[in-house]
Amino acid sequence: MSETLASSLKMLLKETFEGPGNGGSYYTESKPNTGVFGTLDGLTAVDASRSINGSTIAAHSDHIRYYLWVIRTMISGANFEKDWDASWTIHNVDEVKWAEIREGLHKEYVTLLEEIDTIDLGKWLTNVNATIAHSAYHLGALRQMLKSLEIEK
């Protein structure tokens, strides 16, 4: 597939996770720190563990990490069994576990971003697009959850 397509996919992934660049936004808020990483920055383990409408920021964050891992594992051709339920089991985290989730999420994101240049996008385009859409959905959920935390403070 074309280099332009890979660049476009990477740009949208970056906006989802890192936030919009200096040139503005395609679909997120244009403010700094509105991507997944900026949304999670500064949150304590206590805030990440608060139940908001039956879920937690920690659970959403770990689910995004798991989803990225699943896509990367599929692309690599490795055999594995998906366990979506297990990706939602984290609720209460301490500061160490919260840091591990954020670091794991960052690692999976960076690895996928690098792999886009080396994979057969003709074969994996739908999966990469789904990753962007799925992650953007959870970014929206995280942003709404964060608003609930601000109201509760």
C-alpha atoms as a PDB file:
ATOM      1  CA  MET A   1       0.000   0.000   0.000  1.00  0.00           C
ATOM      2  CA  SER A   2       1.065   3.540  -0.449  1.00  0.00           C
ATOM      3  CA  GLU A   3       3.267   5.508   1.870  1.00  0.00           C
ATOM      4  CA  THR A   4       0.495   8.116   2.028  1.00  0.00           C
ATOM      5  CA  LEU A   5      -1.916   5.571   3.492  1.00  0.00           C
ATOM      6  CA  ALA A   6       0.585   4.512   6.155  1.00  0.00           C
ATOM      7  CA  SER A   7       1.229   8.174   6.988  1.00  0.00           C
ATOM      8  CA  SER A   8      -2.492   8.847   7.281  1.00  0.00           C
ATOM      9  CA  LEU A   9      -3.048   5.872   9.597  1.00  0.00           C
ATOM     10  CA  LYS A  10      -0.127   6.904  11.777  1.00  0.00           C
ATOM     11  CA  MET A  11      -1.386  10.489  11.932  1.00  0.00           C
ATOM     12  CA  LEU A  12      -4.803   9.332  13.181  1.00  0.00           C
ATOM     13  CA  LEU A  13      -3.263   6.927  15.692  1.00  0.00           C
ATOM     14  CA  LYS A  14      -1.030   9.727  16.960  1.00  0.00           C
ATOM     15  CA  GLU A  15      -3.992  12.062  17.354  1.00  0.00           C
ATOM     16  CA  THR A  16      -5.881   9.380  19.279  1.00  0.00           C
ATOM     17  CA  PHE A  17      -3.035   8.595  21.654  1.00  0.00           C
ATOM     18  CA  GLU A  18      -0.787  11.659  21.693  1.00  0.00           C
ATOM     19  CA  GLY A  19      -3.382  14.306  20.917  1.00  0.00           C
ATOM     20  CA  PRO A  20      -3.616  16.738  18.025  1.00  0.00           C
ATOM     21  CA  GLY A  21      -0.485  18.150  16.483  1.00  0.00           C
ATOM     22  CA  ASN A  22       0.264  21.793  15.835  1.00  0.00           C
ATOM     23  CA  GLY A  23      -1.707  21.688  12.589  1.00  0.00           C
ATOM     24  CA  GLY A  24      -4.997  21.148  14.395  1.00  0.00           C
ATOM     25  CA  SER A  25      -7.253  18.206  14.908  1.00  0.00           C
ATOM     26  CA  TYR A  26      -9.135  15.820  12.651  1.00  0.00           C
ATOM     27  CA  TYR A  27     -11.583  14.593  15.273  1.00  0.00           C
ATOM     28  CA  THR A  28     -10.391  15.252  18.823  1.00  0.00           C
ATOM     29  CA  GLU A  29     -10.437  18.470  20.770  1.00  0.00           C
ATOM     30  CA  SER A  30      -7.761  20.798  19.432  1.00  0.00           C
ATOM     31  CA  LYS A  31      -6.429  21.495  22.923  1.00  0.00           C
ATOM     32  CA  PRO A  32      -3.151  19.965  24.092  1.00  0.00           C
ATOM     33  CA  ASN A  33      -3.267  16.739  26.114  1.00  0.00           C
ATOM     34  CA  THR A  34      -6.607  15.555  24.735  1.00  0.00           C
ATOM     35  CA  GLY A  35      -5.331  12.208  23.434  1.00  0.00           C
ATOM     36  CA  VAL A  36      -5.344   9.041  25.519  1.00  0.00           C
ATOM     37  CA  PHE A  37      -1.964   9.744  27.131  1.00  0.00           C
ATOM     38  CA  GLY A  38      -2.742  13.360  28.002  1.00  0.00           C
ATOM     39  CA  THR A  39      -6.119  12.311  29.368  1.00  0.00           C
ATOM     40  CA  LEU A  40      -4.472   9.770  31.682  1.00  0.00           C
ATOM     41  CA  ASP A  41      -1.549  11.974  32.733  1.00  0.00           C
ATOM     42  CA  GLY A  42      -1.783  13.199  36.269  1.00  0.00           C
ATOM     43  CA  LEU A  43      -4.534  10.784  37.279  1.00  0.00           C
ATOM     44  CA  THR A  44      -3.849   8.984  40.516  1.00  0.00           C
ATOM     45  CA  ALA A  45      -4.504   5.308  41.053  1.00  0.00           C
ATOM     46  CA  VAL A  46      -7.405   6.321  43.303  1.00  0.00           C
ATOM     47  CA  ASP A  47      -9.017   8.337  40.490  1.00  0.00           C
ATOM     48  CA  ALA A  48      -8.325   5.569  37.954  1.00  0.00           C
ATOM     49  CA  SER A  49     -10.016   3.079  40.313  1.00  0.00           C
ATOM     50  CA  ARG A  50     -13.204   5.054  40.907  1.00  0.00           C
ATOM     51  CA  SER A  51     -16.296   3.339  39.611  1.00  0.00           C
ATOM     52  CA  ILE A  52     -18.074   5.534  37.080  1.00  0.00           C
ATOM     53  CA  ASN A  53     -21.219   4.028  35.592  1.00  0.00           C
ATOM     54  CA  GLY A  54     -19.970   0.537  36.418  1.00  0.00           C
ATOM     55  CA  SER A  55     -16.459   0.835  34.997  1.00  0.00           C
ATOM     56  CA  THR A  56     -13.164   2.490  35.831  1.00  0.00           C
ATOM     57  CA  ILE A  57     -10.562   4.473  33.961  1.00  0.00           C
ATOM     58  CA  ALA A  58      -8.064   1.743  34.874  1.00  0.00           C
ATOM     59  CA  ALA A  59     -10.272  -0.903  33.224  1.00  0.00           C
ATOM     60  CA  HIS A  60     -10.731   1.155  30.037  1.00  0.00           C
ATOM     61  CA  SER A  61      -7.009   1.877  29.879  1.00  0.00           C
ATOM     62  CA  ASP A  62      -6.030  -1.762  30.293  1.00  0.00           C
ATOM     63  CA  HIS A  63      -8.657  -2.808  27.763  1.00  0.00           C
ATOM     64  CA  ILE A  64      -7.146  -0.426  25.176  1.00  0.00           C
ATOM     65  CA  ARG A  65      -3.701  -1.898  25.927  1.00  0.00           C
ATOM     66  CA  TYR A  66      -5.063  -5.411  25.511  1.00  0.00           C
ATOM     67  CA  TYR A  67      -6.828  -4.531  22.253  1.00  0.00           C
ATOM     68  CA  LEU A  68      -3.599  -3.117  20.788  1.00  0.00           C
ATOM     69  CA  TRP A  69      -1.776  -6.269  21.876  1.00  0.00           C
ATOM     70  CA  VAL A  70      -4.417  -8.472  20.212  1.00  0.00           C
ATOM     71  CA  ILE A  71      -4.121  -6.598  16.907  1.00  0.00           C
ATOM     72  CA  ARG A  72      -0.329  -6.716  16.998  1.00  0.00           C
ATOM     73  CA  THR A  73      -0.361 -10.423  17.851  1.00  0.00           C
ATOM     74  CA  MET A  74      -2.780 -11.144  14.996  1.00  0.00           C
ATOM     75  CA  ILE A  75      -0.555  -9.234  12.576  1.00  0.00           C
ATOM     76  CA  SER A  76       2.497 -11.184  13.743  1.00  0.00           C
ATOM     77  CA  GLY A  77       0.731 -14.450  12.884  1.00  0.00           C
ATOM     78  CA  ALA A  78       1.104 -15.904  16.374  1.00  0.00           C
ATOM     79  CA  ASN A  79      -1.538 -18.306  17.622  1.00  0.00           C
ATOM     80  CA  PHE A  80      -3.368 -17.136  20.719  1.00  0.00           C
ATOM     81  CA  GLU A  81      -6.804 -17.039  22.258  1.00  0.00           C
ATOM     82  CA  LYS A  82      -8.505 -13.726  22.862  1.00  0.00           C
ATOM     83  CA  ASP A  83     -10.117 -13.233  26.231  1.00  0.00           C
ATOM     84  CA  TRP A  84     -12.056  -9.970  26.065  1.00  0.00           C
ATOM     85  CA  ASP A  85     -13.615 -10.566  29.495  1.00  0.00           C
ATOM     86  CA  ALA A  86     -10.162 -10.765  31.067  1.00  0.00           C
ATOM     87  CA  SER A  87      -9.327  -7.389  29.578  1.00  0.00           C
ATOM     88  CA  TRP A  88     -11.987  -5.838  31.820  1.00  0.00           C
ATOM     89  CA  THR A  89     -11.041  -7.485  35.121  1.00  0.00           C
ATOM     90  CA  ILE A  90      -8.902  -4.635  36.469  1.00  0.00           C
ATOM     91  CA  HIS A  91     -10.831  -2.283  38.707  1.00  0.00           C
ATOM     92  CA  ASN A  92      -8.864  -1.159  41.745  1.00  0.00           C
ATOM     93  CA  VAL A  93      -5.207  -0.359  41.164  1.00  0.00           C
ATOM     94  CA  ASP A  94      -2.405   0.948  43.328  1.00  0.00           C
ATOM     95  CA  GLU A  95       0.132   3.462  41.987  1.00  0.00           C
ATOM     96  CA  VAL A  96       2.511   0.694  40.851  1.00  0.00           C
ATOM     97  CA  LYS A  97      -0.179  -1.188  38.905  1.00  0.00           C
ATOM     98  CA  TRP A  98      -1.530   2.086  37.458  1.00  0.00           C
ATOM     99  CA  ALA A  99       1.973   2.963  36.209  1.00  0.00           C
ATOM    100  CA  GLU A 100       2.320  -0.544  34.704  1.00  0.00           C
ATOM    101  CA  ILE A 101      -0.962  -0.174  32.801  1.00  0.00           C
ATOM    102  CA  ARG A 102       0.035   3.223  31.389  1.00  0.00           C
ATOM    103  CA  GLU A 103       3.540   1.997  30.474  1.00  0.00           C
ATOM    104  CA  GLY A 104       2.138  -1.141  28.818  1.00  0.00           C
ATOM    105  CA  LEU A 105      -0.362   0.935  26.881  1.00  0.00           C
ATOM    106  CA  HIS A 106       2.388   3.252  25.680  1.00  0.00           C
ATOM    107  CA  LYS A 107       4.596   0.301  24.667  1.00  0.00           C
ATOM    108  CA  GLU A 108       1.819  -1.365  22.659  1.00  0.00           C
ATOM    109  CA  TYR A 109       0.981   1.920  20.937  1.00  0.00           C
ATOM    110  CA  VAL A 110       4.590   2.724  20.000  1.00  0.00           C
ATOM    111  CA  THR A 111       5.170  -0.802  18.715  1.00  0.00           C
ATOM    112  CA  LEU A 112       2.036  -0.744  16.538  1.00  0.00           C
ATOM    113  CA  LEU A 113       2.938   2.705  15.232  1.00  0.00           C
ATOM    114  CA  GLU A 114       6.366   1.410  14.163  1.00  0.00           C
ATOM    115  CA  GLU A 115       4.920  -1.765  12.640  1.00  0.00           C
ATOM    116  CA  ILE A 116       2.587   0.145  10.317  1.00  0.00           C
ATOM    117  CA  ASP A 117       5.597   0.880   8.107  1.00  0.00           C
ATOM    118  CA  THR A 118       6.485  -2.808   7.805  1.00  0.00           C
ATOM    119  CA  ILE A 119       3.174  -4.679   7.593  1.00  0.00           C
ATOM    120  CA  ASP A 120       1.120  -5.509   4.524  1.00  0.00           C
ATOM    121  CA  LEU A 121      -1.522  -2.790   4.825  1.00  0.00           C
ATOM    122  CA  GLY A 122      -3.510  -4.398   2.032  1.00  0.00           C
ATOM    123  CA  LYS A 123      -4.048  -7.369   4.322  1.00  0.00           C
ATOM    124  CA  TRP A 124      -4.315  -5.525   7.663  1.00  0.00           C
ATOM    125  CA  LEU A 125      -5.955  -2.221   6.729  1.00  0.00           C
ATOM    126  CA  THR A 126      -9.328  -3.061   8.270  1.00  0.00           C
ATOM    127  CA  ASN A 127      -7.668  -4.150  11.509  1.00  0.00           C
ATOM    128  CA  VAL A 128      -5.602  -0.955  11.743  1.00  0.00           C
ATOM    129  CA  ASN A 129      -8.662   1.161  10.957  1.00  0.00           C
ATOM    130  CA  ALA A 130     -10.616  -0.747  13.601  1.00  0.00           C
ATOM    131  CA  THR A 131      -7.830  -0.048  16.085  1.00  0.00           C
ATOM    132  CA  ILE A 132      -8.157   3.673  15.445  1.00  0.00           C
ATOM    133  CA  ALA A 133     -11.948   3.583  15.750  1.00  0.00           C
ATOM    134  CA  HIS A 134     -11.926   1.356  18.837  1.00  0.00           C
ATOM    135  CA  SER A 135      -9.288   3.443  20.574  1.00  0.00           C
ATOM    136  CA  ALA A 136     -11.106   6.667  19.686  1.00  0.00           C
ATOM    137  CA  TYR A 137     -14.289   5.240  21.199  1.00  0.00           C
ATOM    138  CA  HIS A 138     -12.458   4.529  24.451  1.00  0.00           C
ATOM    139  CA  LEU A 139     -10.810   7.953  24.350  1.00  0.00           C
ATOM    140  CA  GLY A 140     -14.305   9.448  24.297  1.00  0.00           C
ATOM    141  CA  ALA A 141     -15.343   7.228  27.189  1.00  0.00           C
ATOM    142  CA  LEU A 142     -12.250   8.250  29.169  1.00  0.00           C
ATOM    143  CA  ARG A 143     -12.901  11.947  28.501  1.00  0.00           C
ATOM    144  CA  GLN A 144     -16.489  11.583  29.741  1.00  0.00           C
ATOM    145  CA  MET A 145     -15.337   9.648  32.802  1.00  0.00           C
ATOM    146  CA  LEU A 146     -12.839  12.395  33.544  1.00  0.00           C
ATOM    147  CA  LYS A 147     -15.683  14.929  33.512  1.00  0.00           C
ATOM    148  CA  SER A 148     -17.476  12.815  36.112  1.00  0.00           C
ATOM    149  CA  LEU A 149     -14.383  12.869  38.281  1.00  0.00           C
ATOM    150  CA  GLU A 150     -14.194  16.658  38.035  1.00  0.00           C
ATOM    151  CA  ILE A 151     -17.824  16.922  39.159  1.00  0.00           C
ATOM    152  CA  GLU A 152     -17.189  14.616  42.117  1.00  0.00           C
ATOM    153  CA  LYS A 153     -14.097  16.481  43.357  1.00  0.00           C
END
